[in-house]
N, C-alpha and C. Protein backbone atom coordinates (compact mmCIF):
# COMPACT_ATOMS: atom_id res chain seq x y z
N MET A 1 0.88 8.73 -11.95
CA MET A 1 -0.17 7.73 -11.90
C MET A 1 -0.50 7.45 -10.43
N LYS A 2 -1.77 7.18 -10.15
CA LYS A 2 -2.18 6.90 -8.77
C LYS A 2 -1.97 5.43 -8.42
N PHE A 3 -1.41 5.23 -7.24
CA PHE A 3 -1.24 3.91 -6.67
C PHE A 3 -1.72 3.97 -5.23
N TYR A 4 -1.97 2.79 -4.64
CA TYR A 4 -2.50 2.72 -3.28
C TYR A 4 -1.66 1.78 -2.44
N HIS A 5 -1.30 2.26 -1.25
CA HIS A 5 -0.52 1.47 -0.30
C HIS A 5 -1.37 1.24 0.95
N ALA A 6 -1.55 -0.02 1.32
CA ALA A 6 -2.32 -0.37 2.52
C ALA A 6 -1.39 -0.59 3.69
N THR A 7 -1.83 -0.14 4.87
CA THR A 7 -1.03 -0.30 6.07
C THR A 7 -1.95 -0.37 7.29
N THR A 8 -1.39 -0.72 8.41
CA THR A 8 -2.16 -0.76 9.66
C THR A 8 -2.37 0.66 10.17
N THR A 9 -3.32 0.83 11.07
CA THR A 9 -3.54 2.15 11.65
C THR A 9 -2.33 2.58 12.48
N GLU A 10 -1.66 1.63 13.12
CA GLU A 10 -0.46 1.94 13.90
C GLU A 10 0.66 2.45 12.98
N ASN A 11 0.86 1.77 11.86
CA ASN A 11 1.89 2.21 10.91
C ASN A 11 1.51 3.55 10.29
N MET A 12 0.23 3.80 10.11
CA MET A 12 -0.21 5.08 9.54
C MET A 12 0.20 6.23 10.43
N GLU A 13 0.11 6.04 11.74
CA GLU A 13 0.55 7.07 12.68
C GLU A 13 2.04 7.35 12.52
N GLN A 14 2.84 6.29 12.37
CA GLN A 14 4.29 6.46 12.18
C GLN A 14 4.59 7.15 10.85
N ILE A 15 3.84 6.81 9.81
CA ILE A 15 4.04 7.44 8.50
C ILE A 15 3.73 8.93 8.59
N ALA A 16 2.63 9.27 9.25
CA ALA A 16 2.24 10.68 9.39
C ALA A 16 3.28 11.46 10.18
N THR A 17 3.85 10.84 11.20
CA THR A 17 4.85 11.51 12.03
C THR A 17 6.18 11.68 11.30
N SER A 18 6.62 10.61 10.63
CA SER A 18 7.94 10.63 9.98
C SER A 18 7.92 11.29 8.60
N GLY A 19 6.76 11.29 7.94
CA GLY A 19 6.69 11.80 6.57
C GLY A 19 7.25 10.84 5.54
N ILE A 20 7.32 9.56 5.91
CA ILE A 20 7.91 8.56 5.01
C ILE A 20 7.09 7.27 5.05
N ILE A 21 6.74 6.77 3.86
CA ILE A 21 6.23 5.41 3.75
C ILE A 21 7.47 4.55 3.57
N ARG A 22 7.83 3.86 4.61
CA ARG A 22 9.10 3.13 4.60
C ARG A 22 9.03 1.84 3.79
N LYS A 23 10.12 1.58 3.10
CA LYS A 23 10.24 0.33 2.34
C LYS A 23 10.22 -0.84 3.30
N SER A 24 9.78 -1.97 2.82
CA SER A 24 9.76 -3.19 3.62
C SER A 24 11.16 -3.80 3.70
N TRP A 25 11.26 -4.93 4.35
CA TRP A 25 12.55 -5.60 4.57
C TRP A 25 13.26 -5.90 3.25
N ASP A 26 12.49 -6.03 2.15
CA ASP A 26 13.11 -6.36 0.87
C ASP A 26 13.37 -5.14 -0.01
N GLY A 27 13.25 -3.94 0.59
CA GLY A 27 13.67 -2.72 -0.11
C GLY A 27 12.63 -2.04 -0.98
N VAL A 28 11.37 -2.49 -0.91
CA VAL A 28 10.34 -1.90 -1.75
C VAL A 28 9.09 -1.55 -0.94
N VAL A 29 8.28 -0.67 -1.51
CA VAL A 29 6.95 -0.37 -0.98
C VAL A 29 5.97 -1.03 -1.94
N TYR A 30 5.08 -1.85 -1.40
CA TYR A 30 4.10 -2.56 -2.23
C TYR A 30 2.87 -1.70 -2.45
N LEU A 31 2.32 -1.78 -3.67
CA LEU A 31 1.23 -0.92 -4.10
C LEU A 31 0.26 -1.69 -4.98
N CYS A 32 -0.93 -1.13 -5.12
CA CYS A 32 -1.92 -1.62 -6.09
C CYS A 32 -2.52 -0.42 -6.80
N LYS A 33 -3.27 -0.69 -7.86
CA LYS A 33 -3.93 0.40 -8.59
C LYS A 33 -5.35 0.65 -8.09
N ASP A 34 -5.79 -0.13 -7.12
CA ASP A 34 -7.13 0.02 -6.54
C ASP A 34 -7.01 -0.13 -5.01
N PRO A 35 -7.68 0.72 -4.24
CA PRO A 35 -7.53 0.66 -2.78
C PRO A 35 -8.00 -0.66 -2.17
N ILE A 36 -9.08 -1.24 -2.68
CA ILE A 36 -9.56 -2.51 -2.13
C ILE A 36 -8.57 -3.62 -2.44
N ASP A 37 -7.97 -3.59 -3.62
CA ASP A 37 -6.94 -4.59 -3.95
C ASP A 37 -5.78 -4.49 -2.97
N ALA A 38 -5.37 -3.29 -2.61
CA ALA A 38 -4.28 -3.12 -1.65
C ALA A 38 -4.65 -3.73 -0.30
N CYS A 39 -5.91 -3.60 0.09
CA CYS A 39 -6.37 -4.15 1.38
C CYS A 39 -6.29 -5.67 1.42
N LYS A 40 -6.49 -6.32 0.30
CA LYS A 40 -6.53 -7.79 0.25
C LYS A 40 -5.29 -8.42 0.89
N PHE A 41 -4.14 -7.78 0.71
CA PHE A 41 -2.89 -8.36 1.19
C PHE A 41 -2.76 -8.28 2.71
N LEU A 42 -3.54 -7.41 3.34
CA LEU A 42 -3.55 -7.34 4.81
C LEU A 42 -4.70 -8.14 5.39
N VAL A 43 -5.83 -8.17 4.70
CA VAL A 43 -6.98 -8.95 5.17
C VAL A 43 -6.61 -10.42 5.24
N ILE A 44 -5.85 -10.90 4.27
CA ILE A 44 -5.44 -12.31 4.26
C ILE A 44 -4.59 -12.66 5.48
N ARG A 45 -3.96 -11.64 6.09
CA ARG A 45 -3.15 -11.85 7.30
C ARG A 45 -3.98 -11.67 8.57
N GLY A 46 -5.29 -11.45 8.42
CA GLY A 46 -6.17 -11.36 9.57
C GLY A 46 -6.47 -9.95 10.04
N LEU A 47 -5.94 -8.94 9.38
CA LEU A 47 -6.22 -7.56 9.78
C LEU A 47 -7.60 -7.15 9.28
N ARG A 48 -8.31 -6.39 10.10
CA ARG A 48 -9.66 -5.99 9.74
C ARG A 48 -9.81 -4.47 9.61
N LYS A 49 -8.91 -3.71 10.19
CA LYS A 49 -8.94 -2.25 10.10
C LYS A 49 -7.67 -1.80 9.39
N ILE A 50 -7.86 -1.16 8.23
CA ILE A 50 -6.73 -0.89 7.34
C ILE A 50 -6.81 0.55 6.84
N CYS A 51 -5.67 1.22 6.78
CA CYS A 51 -5.57 2.54 6.18
C CYS A 51 -4.95 2.39 4.80
N VAL A 52 -5.49 3.11 3.83
CA VAL A 52 -4.96 3.07 2.46
C VAL A 52 -4.57 4.48 2.06
N ILE A 53 -3.33 4.61 1.62
CA ILE A 53 -2.78 5.90 1.21
C ILE A 53 -2.73 5.95 -0.32
N GLU A 54 -3.29 7.01 -0.88
CA GLU A 54 -3.21 7.23 -2.32
C GLU A 54 -1.95 8.04 -2.61
N VAL A 55 -1.08 7.51 -3.45
CA VAL A 55 0.16 8.21 -3.80
C VAL A 55 0.22 8.41 -5.30
N GLU A 56 0.78 9.52 -5.68
CA GLU A 56 0.99 9.84 -7.10
C GLU A 56 2.46 9.59 -7.40
N LEU A 57 2.72 8.65 -8.31
CA LEU A 57 4.09 8.27 -8.64
C LEU A 57 4.28 8.24 -10.14
N ASN A 58 5.51 8.46 -10.57
CA ASN A 58 5.85 8.29 -11.98
C ASN A 58 5.79 6.81 -12.30
N GLU A 59 5.12 6.48 -13.36
CA GLU A 59 4.94 5.08 -13.74
C GLU A 59 6.28 4.37 -13.93
N GLU A 60 7.29 5.09 -14.40
CA GLU A 60 8.60 4.46 -14.61
C GLU A 60 9.33 4.14 -13.31
N ASP A 61 8.84 4.68 -12.18
CA ASP A 61 9.43 4.38 -10.87
C ASP A 61 8.79 3.17 -10.20
N VAL A 62 7.82 2.57 -10.88
CA VAL A 62 7.07 1.45 -10.32
C VAL A 62 7.14 0.28 -11.28
N GLU A 63 7.32 -0.92 -10.74
CA GLU A 63 7.31 -2.11 -11.58
C GLU A 63 6.36 -3.14 -11.00
N GLU A 64 5.87 -4.00 -11.86
CA GLU A 64 4.93 -5.03 -11.41
C GLU A 64 5.65 -6.05 -10.54
N SER A 65 4.96 -6.49 -9.50
CA SER A 65 5.47 -7.52 -8.60
C SER A 65 4.81 -8.85 -8.97
N PHE A 66 5.61 -9.88 -8.99
CA PHE A 66 5.08 -11.20 -9.31
C PHE A 66 5.24 -12.15 -8.13
N ASP A 67 5.19 -11.60 -6.90
CA ASP A 67 5.40 -12.40 -5.70
C ASP A 67 4.10 -12.93 -5.11
N HIS A 68 3.02 -12.87 -5.84
CA HIS A 68 1.73 -13.33 -5.35
C HIS A 68 0.96 -13.99 -6.50
N SER A 69 -0.12 -14.69 -6.16
CA SER A 69 -0.96 -15.32 -7.17
C SER A 69 -2.03 -14.33 -7.63
N GLN A 70 -1.93 -13.92 -8.89
CA GLN A 70 -2.95 -13.02 -9.44
C GLN A 70 -4.31 -13.71 -9.50
N VAL A 71 -4.32 -15.01 -9.68
CA VAL A 71 -5.57 -15.76 -9.73
C VAL A 71 -6.24 -15.73 -8.35
N PHE A 72 -5.48 -15.95 -7.29
CA PHE A 72 -6.03 -15.96 -5.94
C PHE A 72 -6.49 -14.57 -5.52
N PHE A 73 -5.63 -13.57 -5.65
CA PHE A 73 -5.95 -12.21 -5.19
C PHE A 73 -6.83 -11.43 -6.16
N LYS A 74 -6.92 -11.91 -7.41
CA LYS A 74 -7.72 -11.25 -8.45
C LYS A 74 -7.28 -9.79 -8.66
N CYS A 75 -5.96 -9.59 -8.63
CA CYS A 75 -5.41 -8.26 -8.88
C CYS A 75 -3.91 -8.37 -9.16
N ARG A 76 -3.37 -7.28 -9.63
CA ARG A 76 -1.93 -7.15 -9.82
C ARG A 76 -1.38 -6.30 -8.69
N ALA A 77 -0.13 -6.52 -8.38
CA ALA A 77 0.55 -5.72 -7.37
C ALA A 77 1.79 -5.11 -8.00
N TYR A 78 2.26 -4.03 -7.37
CA TYR A 78 3.39 -3.27 -7.91
C TYR A 78 4.37 -2.95 -6.81
N MET A 79 5.58 -2.57 -7.20
CA MET A 79 6.63 -2.25 -6.24
C MET A 79 7.29 -0.93 -6.60
N HIS A 80 7.58 -0.16 -5.58
CA HIS A 80 8.38 1.06 -5.73
C HIS A 80 9.65 0.82 -4.93
N LYS A 81 10.81 0.89 -5.58
CA LYS A 81 12.07 0.66 -4.88
C LYS A 81 12.38 1.84 -3.97
N GLY A 82 12.55 1.56 -2.69
CA GLY A 82 12.89 2.59 -1.72
C GLY A 82 11.66 3.23 -1.09
N ASP A 83 11.92 4.12 -0.16
CA ASP A 83 10.87 4.82 0.57
C ASP A 83 10.08 5.76 -0.34
N ILE A 84 8.87 6.11 0.11
CA ILE A 84 8.04 7.10 -0.58
C ILE A 84 7.75 8.23 0.39
N ARG A 85 7.97 9.44 -0.05
CA ARG A 85 7.71 10.61 0.79
C ARG A 85 6.22 10.78 1.01
N PHE A 86 5.83 11.08 2.25
CA PHE A 86 4.44 11.34 2.62
C PHE A 86 4.34 12.78 3.08
N THR A 87 3.60 13.60 2.34
CA THR A 87 3.53 15.03 2.64
C THR A 87 2.40 15.38 3.60
N GLY A 88 1.42 14.48 3.72
CA GLY A 88 0.24 14.78 4.52
C GLY A 88 -0.91 15.30 3.67
N MET A 89 -0.63 15.58 2.41
CA MET A 89 -1.67 16.05 1.49
C MET A 89 -2.33 14.88 0.73
N GLU A 90 -1.77 13.69 0.89
CA GLU A 90 -2.30 12.51 0.22
C GLU A 90 -3.67 12.12 0.81
N LYS A 91 -4.49 11.55 -0.02
CA LYS A 91 -5.77 11.02 0.45
C LYS A 91 -5.49 9.75 1.23
N VAL A 92 -6.04 9.67 2.44
CA VAL A 92 -5.92 8.47 3.27
C VAL A 92 -7.33 8.04 3.62
N GLU A 93 -7.63 6.79 3.35
CA GLU A 93 -8.96 6.26 3.61
C GLU A 93 -8.84 5.07 4.55
N GLU A 94 -9.77 4.97 5.48
CA GLU A 94 -9.77 3.84 6.42
C GLU A 94 -10.87 2.86 6.03
N PHE A 95 -10.51 1.59 6.03
CA PHE A 95 -11.46 0.53 5.71
C PHE A 95 -11.58 -0.40 6.90
N ALA A 96 -12.78 -0.88 7.16
CA ALA A 96 -13.03 -1.88 8.21
C ALA A 96 -13.74 -3.06 7.56
N PHE A 97 -13.20 -4.24 7.78
CA PHE A 97 -13.75 -5.45 7.21
C PHE A 97 -14.25 -6.36 8.33
N ASN A 98 -15.48 -6.76 8.26
CA ASN A 98 -16.07 -7.67 9.24
C ASN A 98 -16.31 -9.01 8.57
N ILE A 99 -15.38 -9.90 8.81
CA ILE A 99 -15.45 -11.21 8.15
C ILE A 99 -15.60 -12.28 9.21
């Protein structure tokens, strides 16, 4: 199943170099089922230029995250426990938000 992970352009460079989407401090990689939804979690922190990586994952390796308000963000978020391998063949899209 396709999921989307949003990150900064600086982190995208590190991901491309290392070949790993690294888990966050709490041991998971956060994902959404739509690229714009993934961006929302960075835009709220003031970021305006965002890279979104499309990853193909087994649905059983991903669980829903309830650490955010679905009403506020108008989306669901998901978690993958541990790092995700980045091969370089994944679709990566850059978004710029002018707010």
